[in-house]
Amino acid sequence: MKVFVASSAARIKNEGYKKAGLIVADFMLKGKHSWILGGEGWLADRIYQMEKADLIIILPGDMRTLHDLYTAIESKSVGEHQSPIVVTNIEGYFDDALIMIDKSICEGFTEESVQDLYDIVHSAEELSNYLESLEKK
């Protein structure tokens, strides 16, 4: 499985974010999956890599990570990929970003069905369970 991971590992202080990163690393190593890292390179290159992925994991990160979040959802909504997208909303990190999606829906700019295009986990443990469930499929 090719996995696109959007995150920003520099200067992480939050233990929950670190734990989620370690869970993803463990998932990748145990399953011998291929890393497609979203944190580096030109935006167009990262979008191209994202669209080749079998799974997209959005970990807490910087502005590029927020871009990756919205791009993953938008590109799935227009059929450019069908990969599962999991947003790790640990300690509410992505609350405001997700509220913007809700607002866009409420204002009529976005179809409500876009909320079915991604999954949200709220802890490292939920992320671990989510990834384990994918391995069983």
N, C-alpha and C. Protein backbone atom coordinates (compact mmCIF):
# COMPACT_ATOMS: atom_id res chain seq x y z
N MET A 1 0.85 -1.17 0.00
CA MET A 1 0.00 0.00 0.00
C MET A 1 0.89 1.24 0.00
N LYS A 2 0.56 2.20 -0.84
CA LYS A 2 1.26 3.48 -0.85
C LYS A 2 0.48 4.45 0.03
N VAL A 3 1.19 5.05 0.99
CA VAL A 3 0.53 5.90 1.97
C VAL A 3 1.11 7.31 1.90
N PHE A 4 0.26 8.29 1.65
CA PHE A 4 0.65 9.69 1.67
C PHE A 4 0.44 10.20 3.08
N VAL A 5 1.50 10.75 3.67
CA VAL A 5 1.42 11.24 5.04
C VAL A 5 1.69 12.75 5.02
N ALA A 6 0.69 13.52 5.40
CA ALA A 6 0.85 14.97 5.50
C ALA A 6 1.07 15.31 6.96
N SER A 7 2.21 15.91 7.24
CA SER A 7 2.50 16.33 8.61
C SER A 7 3.68 17.29 8.58
N SER A 8 4.02 17.78 9.72
CA SER A 8 5.18 18.64 9.88
C SER A 8 5.83 18.27 11.19
N ALA A 9 6.92 17.51 11.12
CA ALA A 9 7.52 16.94 12.32
C ALA A 9 8.41 17.92 13.09
N ALA A 10 8.78 18.99 12.49
CA ALA A 10 9.70 19.92 13.15
C ALA A 10 9.09 20.52 14.40
N ARG A 11 9.84 20.53 15.47
CA ARG A 11 9.49 21.20 16.72
C ARG A 11 8.19 20.72 17.37
N ILE A 12 7.83 19.48 17.17
CA ILE A 12 6.61 18.97 17.81
C ILE A 12 6.85 18.83 19.31
N LYS A 13 6.00 19.45 20.08
CA LYS A 13 6.10 19.38 21.54
C LYS A 13 4.98 18.52 22.14
N ASN A 14 3.86 18.45 21.47
CA ASN A 14 2.69 17.75 22.00
C ASN A 14 2.90 16.24 21.93
N GLU A 15 2.77 15.58 23.07
CA GLU A 15 2.98 14.13 23.13
C GLU A 15 1.96 13.34 22.33
N GLY A 16 0.72 13.83 22.28
CA GLY A 16 -0.31 13.15 21.49
C GLY A 16 0.03 13.13 20.01
N TYR A 17 0.55 14.25 19.50
CA TYR A 17 0.95 14.32 18.09
C TYR A 17 2.12 13.38 17.83
N LYS A 18 3.08 13.37 18.76
CA LYS A 18 4.23 12.48 18.61
C LYS A 18 3.79 11.02 18.58
N LYS A 19 2.87 10.68 19.47
CA LYS A 19 2.39 9.30 19.55
C LYS A 19 1.70 8.90 18.24
N ALA A 20 0.92 9.80 17.68
CA ALA A 20 0.25 9.52 16.40
C ALA A 20 1.29 9.28 15.31
N GLY A 21 2.34 10.09 15.29
CA GLY A 21 3.41 9.91 14.30
C GLY A 21 4.09 8.56 14.45
N LEU A 22 4.31 8.14 15.69
CA LEU A 22 4.93 6.84 15.94
C LEU A 22 4.01 5.70 15.52
N ILE A 23 2.72 5.86 15.70
CA ILE A 23 1.76 4.84 15.27
C ILE A 23 1.78 4.70 13.76
N VAL A 24 1.84 5.83 13.06
CA VAL A 24 1.92 5.78 11.60
C VAL A 24 3.22 5.10 11.17
N ALA A 25 4.32 5.46 11.80
CA ALA A 25 5.61 4.84 11.47
C ALA A 25 5.57 3.33 11.69
N ASP A 26 4.99 2.91 12.80
CA ASP A 26 4.87 1.48 13.11
C ASP A 26 3.99 0.78 12.07
N PHE A 27 2.88 1.40 11.71
CA PHE A 27 1.99 0.86 10.67
C PHE A 27 2.74 0.67 9.36
N MET A 28 3.54 1.67 9.02
CA MET A 28 4.28 1.62 7.76
C MET A 28 5.32 0.50 7.77
N LEU A 29 6.05 0.40 8.86
CA LEU A 29 7.12 -0.60 8.95
C LEU A 29 6.58 -2.01 9.03
N LYS A 30 5.58 -2.23 9.87
CA LYS A 30 5.01 -3.58 10.02
C LYS A 30 4.36 -4.07 8.74
N GLY A 31 3.68 -3.17 8.05
CA GLY A 31 2.98 -3.55 6.83
C GLY A 31 3.83 -3.47 5.59
N LYS A 32 5.06 -3.00 5.75
CA LYS A 32 5.97 -2.81 4.61
C LYS A 32 5.32 -1.96 3.52
N HIS A 33 4.64 -0.93 3.96
CA HIS A 33 3.99 -0.01 3.03
C HIS A 33 5.00 1.01 2.51
N SER A 34 4.67 1.64 1.40
CA SER A 34 5.54 2.66 0.81
C SER A 34 5.13 4.04 1.32
N TRP A 35 6.11 4.80 1.79
CA TRP A 35 5.87 6.17 2.26
C TRP A 35 5.75 7.11 1.06
N ILE A 36 4.77 7.94 1.09
CA ILE A 36 4.71 9.09 0.18
C ILE A 36 4.54 10.28 1.11
N LEU A 37 5.62 10.96 1.38
CA LEU A 37 5.59 12.05 2.36
C LEU A 37 5.10 13.33 1.72
N GLY A 38 4.19 14.00 2.38
CA GLY A 38 3.62 15.23 1.86
C GLY A 38 4.31 16.48 2.34
N GLY A 39 5.24 16.36 3.25
CA GLY A 39 5.81 17.54 3.87
C GLY A 39 6.88 18.25 3.08
N GLU A 40 7.28 17.72 1.95
CA GLU A 40 8.37 18.34 1.21
C GLU A 40 7.97 18.53 -0.24
N GLY A 41 8.71 19.38 -0.93
CA GLY A 41 8.53 19.52 -2.38
C GLY A 41 7.52 20.59 -2.76
N TRP A 42 7.44 20.78 -4.05
CA TRP A 42 6.51 21.75 -4.63
C TRP A 42 5.09 21.26 -4.45
N LEU A 43 4.16 22.18 -4.36
CA LEU A 43 2.76 21.80 -4.16
C LEU A 43 2.27 20.86 -5.25
N ALA A 44 2.57 21.17 -6.50
CA ALA A 44 2.10 20.32 -7.60
C ALA A 44 2.66 18.91 -7.49
N ASP A 45 3.91 18.77 -7.06
CA ASP A 45 4.51 17.45 -6.88
C ASP A 45 3.80 16.69 -5.76
N ARG A 46 3.49 17.37 -4.67
CA ARG A 46 2.83 16.72 -3.55
C ARG A 46 1.41 16.28 -3.92
N ILE A 47 0.72 17.11 -4.70
CA ILE A 47 -0.63 16.75 -5.15
C ILE A 47 -0.56 15.50 -6.04
N TYR A 48 0.41 15.46 -6.94
CA TYR A 48 0.60 14.30 -7.81
C TYR A 48 0.86 13.04 -6.98
N GLN A 49 1.71 13.16 -5.96
CA GLN A 49 2.02 12.02 -5.10
C GLN A 49 0.77 11.58 -4.33
N MET A 50 0.02 12.54 -3.86
CA MET A 50 -1.19 12.25 -3.10
C MET A 50 -2.16 11.42 -3.93
N GLU A 51 -2.32 11.78 -5.17
CA GLU A 51 -3.27 11.11 -6.04
C GLU A 51 -2.84 9.69 -6.38
N LYS A 52 -1.58 9.33 -6.16
CA LYS A 52 -1.10 7.97 -6.39
C LYS A 52 -1.24 7.09 -5.15
N ALA A 53 -1.59 7.69 -4.04
CA ALA A 53 -1.63 6.96 -2.77
C ALA A 53 -2.86 6.08 -2.65
N ASP A 54 -2.71 5.02 -1.86
CA ASP A 54 -3.83 4.13 -1.52
C ASP A 54 -4.50 4.56 -0.22
N LEU A 55 -3.82 5.40 0.54
CA LEU A 55 -4.32 5.91 1.83
C LEU A 55 -3.68 7.27 2.07
N ILE A 56 -4.47 8.21 2.56
CA ILE A 56 -3.96 9.54 2.88
C ILE A 56 -4.19 9.78 4.37
N ILE A 57 -3.09 10.03 5.08
CA ILE A 57 -3.16 10.31 6.52
C ILE A 57 -2.77 11.76 6.74
N ILE A 58 -3.64 12.50 7.39
CA ILE A 58 -3.38 13.90 7.70
C ILE A 58 -3.09 14.01 9.19
N LEU A 59 -1.83 14.23 9.54
CA LEU A 59 -1.41 14.44 10.92
C LEU A 59 -1.32 15.94 11.19
N PRO A 60 -1.36 16.38 12.43
CA PRO A 60 -1.17 17.80 12.71
C PRO A 60 0.11 18.32 12.07
N GLY A 61 0.03 19.51 11.51
CA GLY A 61 1.20 20.06 10.83
C GLY A 61 1.04 21.53 10.50
N ASP A 62 1.86 21.97 9.57
CA ASP A 62 1.95 23.39 9.22
C ASP A 62 0.96 23.75 8.10
N MET A 63 1.21 24.88 7.47
CA MET A 63 0.32 25.38 6.41
C MET A 63 0.24 24.40 5.24
N ARG A 64 1.35 23.74 4.92
CA ARG A 64 1.32 22.75 3.82
C ARG A 64 0.37 21.61 4.18
N THR A 65 0.34 21.25 5.46
CA THR A 65 -0.55 20.18 5.90
C THR A 65 -2.01 20.59 5.74
N LEU A 66 -2.32 21.83 6.09
CA LEU A 66 -3.69 22.31 5.88
C LEU A 66 -4.05 22.30 4.40
N HIS A 67 -3.11 22.71 3.57
CA HIS A 67 -3.32 22.65 2.12
C HIS A 67 -3.58 21.21 1.68
N ASP A 68 -2.78 20.28 2.20
CA ASP A 68 -2.94 18.87 1.85
C ASP A 68 -4.31 18.35 2.29
N LEU A 69 -4.77 18.77 3.45
CA LEU A 69 -6.08 18.35 3.93
C LEU A 69 -7.17 18.73 2.93
N TYR A 70 -7.22 20.00 2.59
CA TYR A 70 -8.27 20.46 1.68
C TYR A 70 -8.09 19.89 0.28
N THR A 71 -6.85 19.76 -0.16
CA THR A 71 -6.59 19.20 -1.50
C THR A 71 -7.01 17.74 -1.57
N ALA A 72 -6.71 16.97 -0.53
CA ALA A 72 -7.10 15.55 -0.53
C ALA A 72 -8.61 15.41 -0.65
N ILE A 73 -9.33 16.22 0.10
CA ILE A 73 -10.80 16.14 0.07
C ILE A 73 -11.34 16.61 -1.27
N GLU A 74 -10.82 17.74 -1.76
CA GLU A 74 -11.31 18.28 -3.03
C GLU A 74 -11.00 17.34 -4.19
N SER A 75 -9.79 16.80 -4.23
CA SER A 75 -9.44 15.92 -5.34
C SER A 75 -10.24 14.63 -5.30
N LYS A 76 -10.59 14.16 -4.11
CA LYS A 76 -11.45 12.99 -4.01
C LYS A 76 -12.88 13.34 -4.46
N SER A 77 -13.33 14.54 -4.12
CA SER A 77 -14.70 14.94 -4.48
C SER A 77 -14.90 15.04 -5.99
N VAL A 78 -13.83 15.31 -6.73
CA VAL A 78 -13.94 15.41 -8.19
C VAL A 78 -13.46 14.14 -8.88
N GLY A 79 -13.21 13.09 -8.11
CA GLY A 79 -12.89 11.79 -8.68
C GLY A 79 -11.45 11.55 -9.08
N GLU A 80 -10.54 12.40 -8.61
CA GLU A 80 -9.13 12.21 -8.97
C GLU A 80 -8.48 11.06 -8.20
N HIS A 81 -9.09 10.63 -7.11
CA HIS A 81 -8.66 9.45 -6.38
C HIS A 81 -9.84 8.97 -5.53
N GLN A 82 -9.74 7.74 -5.06
CA GLN A 82 -10.77 7.17 -4.20
C GLN A 82 -10.18 6.67 -2.89
N SER A 83 -9.00 7.14 -2.56
CA SER A 83 -8.28 6.68 -1.38
C SER A 83 -8.96 7.14 -0.10
N PRO A 84 -8.93 6.28 0.93
CA PRO A 84 -9.42 6.74 2.23
C PRO A 84 -8.56 7.90 2.73
N ILE A 85 -9.21 8.87 3.36
CA ILE A 85 -8.53 10.01 3.97
C ILE A 85 -8.86 9.96 5.45
N VAL A 86 -7.82 9.96 6.29
CA VAL A 86 -8.05 9.98 7.73
C VAL A 86 -7.39 11.24 8.29
N VAL A 87 -8.20 12.02 8.99
CA VAL A 87 -7.75 13.26 9.61
C VAL A 87 -7.56 12.99 11.10
N THR A 88 -6.34 13.17 11.59
CA THR A 88 -6.05 12.93 13.01
C THR A 88 -6.25 14.24 13.77
N ASN A 89 -7.45 14.39 14.29
CA ASN A 89 -7.85 15.62 14.97
C ASN A 89 -7.56 15.51 16.48
N ILE A 90 -6.34 15.21 16.79
CA ILE A 90 -5.92 15.02 18.19
C ILE A 90 -6.00 16.36 18.92
N GLU A 91 -6.64 16.32 20.08
CA GLU A 91 -6.83 17.51 20.92
C GLU A 91 -7.45 18.67 20.14
N GLY A 92 -8.27 18.33 19.14
CA GLY A 92 -8.99 19.34 18.38
C GLY A 92 -8.13 20.14 17.41
N TYR A 93 -6.97 19.61 17.05
CA TYR A 93 -6.04 20.37 16.20
C TYR A 93 -6.71 20.88 14.92
N PHE A 94 -7.54 20.05 14.29
CA PHE A 94 -8.15 20.44 13.03
C PHE A 94 -9.58 20.97 13.19
N ASP A 95 -10.02 21.24 14.40
CA ASP A 95 -11.39 21.72 14.62
C ASP A 95 -11.73 22.90 13.72
N ASP A 96 -10.90 23.91 13.69
CA ASP A 96 -11.20 25.11 12.91
C ASP A 96 -11.23 24.81 11.41
N ALA A 97 -10.32 23.96 10.94
CA ALA A 97 -10.29 23.59 9.52
C ALA A 97 -11.58 22.85 9.15
N LEU A 98 -12.04 21.98 10.03
CA LEU A 98 -13.27 21.23 9.78
C LEU A 98 -14.50 22.13 9.87
N ILE A 99 -14.45 23.12 10.75
CA ILE A 99 -15.54 24.10 10.84
C ILE A 99 -15.67 24.86 9.52
N MET A 100 -14.55 25.16 8.88
CA MET A 100 -14.60 25.86 7.59
C MET A 100 -15.31 25.01 6.53
N ILE A 101 -15.10 23.70 6.58
CA ILE A 101 -15.82 22.82 5.65
C ILE A 101 -17.32 22.90 5.94
N ASP A 102 -17.68 22.84 7.23
CA ASP A 102 -19.08 22.95 7.62
C ASP A 102 -19.69 24.28 7.16
N LYS A 103 -18.94 25.35 7.34
CA LYS A 103 -19.43 26.68 6.93
C LYS A 103 -19.63 26.74 5.43
N SER A 104 -18.70 26.17 4.69
CA SER A 104 -18.82 26.14 3.24
C SER A 104 -20.06 25.38 2.80
N ILE A 105 -20.38 24.32 3.53
CA ILE A 105 -21.60 23.55 3.25
C ILE A 105 -22.83 24.39 3.59
N CYS A 106 -22.84 24.99 4.78
CA CYS A 106 -23.98 25.82 5.22
C CYS A 106 -24.24 26.98 4.28
N GLU A 107 -23.20 27.55 3.72
CA GLU A 107 -23.34 28.71 2.83
C GLU A 107 -23.64 28.30 1.39
N GLY A 108 -23.69 26.98 1.13
CA GLY A 108 -24.06 26.51 -0.21
C GLY A 108 -22.91 26.39 -1.19
N PHE A 109 -21.67 26.55 -0.74
CA PHE A 109 -20.53 26.45 -1.65
C PHE A 109 -20.08 25.01 -1.87
N THR A 110 -20.38 24.16 -0.92
CA THR A 110 -19.91 22.78 -0.94
C THR A 110 -21.07 21.85 -0.66
N GLU A 111 -21.08 20.72 -1.36
CA GLU A 111 -22.11 19.71 -1.15
C GLU A 111 -21.91 19.03 0.21
N GLU A 112 -22.99 18.73 0.88
CA GLU A 112 -22.92 18.08 2.19
C GLU A 112 -22.23 16.71 2.10
N SER A 113 -22.34 16.07 0.95
CA SER A 113 -21.75 14.74 0.77
C SER A 113 -20.22 14.74 0.90
N VAL A 114 -19.60 15.91 0.88
CA VAL A 114 -18.14 15.97 1.02
C VAL A 114 -17.71 15.43 2.39
N GLN A 115 -18.58 15.54 3.38
CA GLN A 115 -18.25 15.04 4.72
C GLN A 115 -18.11 13.52 4.75
N ASP A 116 -18.62 12.85 3.74
CA ASP A 116 -18.49 11.39 3.65
C ASP A 116 -17.16 10.96 3.03
N LEU A 117 -16.37 11.92 2.61
CA LEU A 117 -15.14 11.60 1.89
C LEU A 117 -13.92 11.40 2.79
N TYR A 118 -14.08 11.68 4.07
CA TYR A 118 -12.94 11.55 4.99
C TYR A 118 -13.44 11.04 6.34
N ASP A 119 -12.50 10.47 7.06
CA ASP A 119 -12.77 9.99 8.41
C ASP A 119 -11.96 10.83 9.38
N ILE A 120 -12.47 10.96 10.59
CA ILE A 120 -11.78 11.74 11.61
C ILE A 120 -11.53 10.82 12.80
N VAL A 121 -10.30 10.84 13.29
CA VAL A 121 -9.97 10.16 14.55
C VAL A 121 -9.53 11.23 15.53
N HIS A 122 -9.77 10.99 16.81
CA HIS A 122 -9.53 12.02 17.83
C HIS A 122 -8.41 11.70 18.80
N SER A 123 -7.75 10.56 18.60
CA SER A 123 -6.65 10.19 19.48
C SER A 123 -5.72 9.25 18.74
N ALA A 124 -4.54 9.08 19.31
CA ALA A 124 -3.58 8.14 18.72
C ALA A 124 -4.15 6.72 18.75
N GLU A 125 -4.90 6.39 19.79
CA GLU A 125 -5.50 5.06 19.90
C GLU A 125 -6.53 4.84 18.80
N GLU A 126 -7.36 5.85 18.54
CA GLU A 126 -8.34 5.74 17.45
C GLU A 126 -7.63 5.58 16.11
N LEU A 127 -6.53 6.30 15.93
CA LEU A 127 -5.75 6.18 14.70
C LEU A 127 -5.22 4.75 14.56
N SER A 128 -4.69 4.21 15.64
CA SER A 128 -4.17 2.84 15.63
C SER A 128 -5.27 1.86 15.24
N ASN A 129 -6.45 2.00 15.84
CA ASN A 129 -7.57 1.11 15.51
C ASN A 129 -7.99 1.27 14.05
N TYR A 130 -8.01 2.49 13.57
CA TYR A 130 -8.39 2.76 12.17
C TYR A 130 -7.41 2.06 11.23
N LEU A 131 -6.12 2.22 11.49
CA LEU A 131 -5.12 1.60 10.62
C LEU A 131 -5.17 0.09 10.70
N GLU A 132 -5.40 -0.44 11.90
CA GLU A 132 -5.55 -1.91 12.04
C GLU A 132 -6.74 -2.42 11.24
N SER A 133 -7.83 -1.68 11.23
CA SER A 133 -9.00 -2.11 10.47
C SER A 133 -8.71 -2.13 8.97
N LEU A 134 -7.88 -1.22 8.50
CA LEU A 134 -7.49 -1.22 7.08
C LEU A 134 -6.66 -2.44 6.74
N GLU A 135 -5.80 -2.83 7.66
CA GLU A 135 -4.94 -3.99 7.43
C GLU A 135 -5.76 -5.27 7.31
N LYS A 136 -6.90 -5.32 7.98
CA LYS A 136 -7.74 -6.51 7.96
C LYS A 136 -8.56 -6.63 6.69
N LYS A 137 -8.69 -5.55 5.95
CA LYS A 137 -9.51 -5.57 4.72
C LYS A 137 -8.78 -6.26 3.60
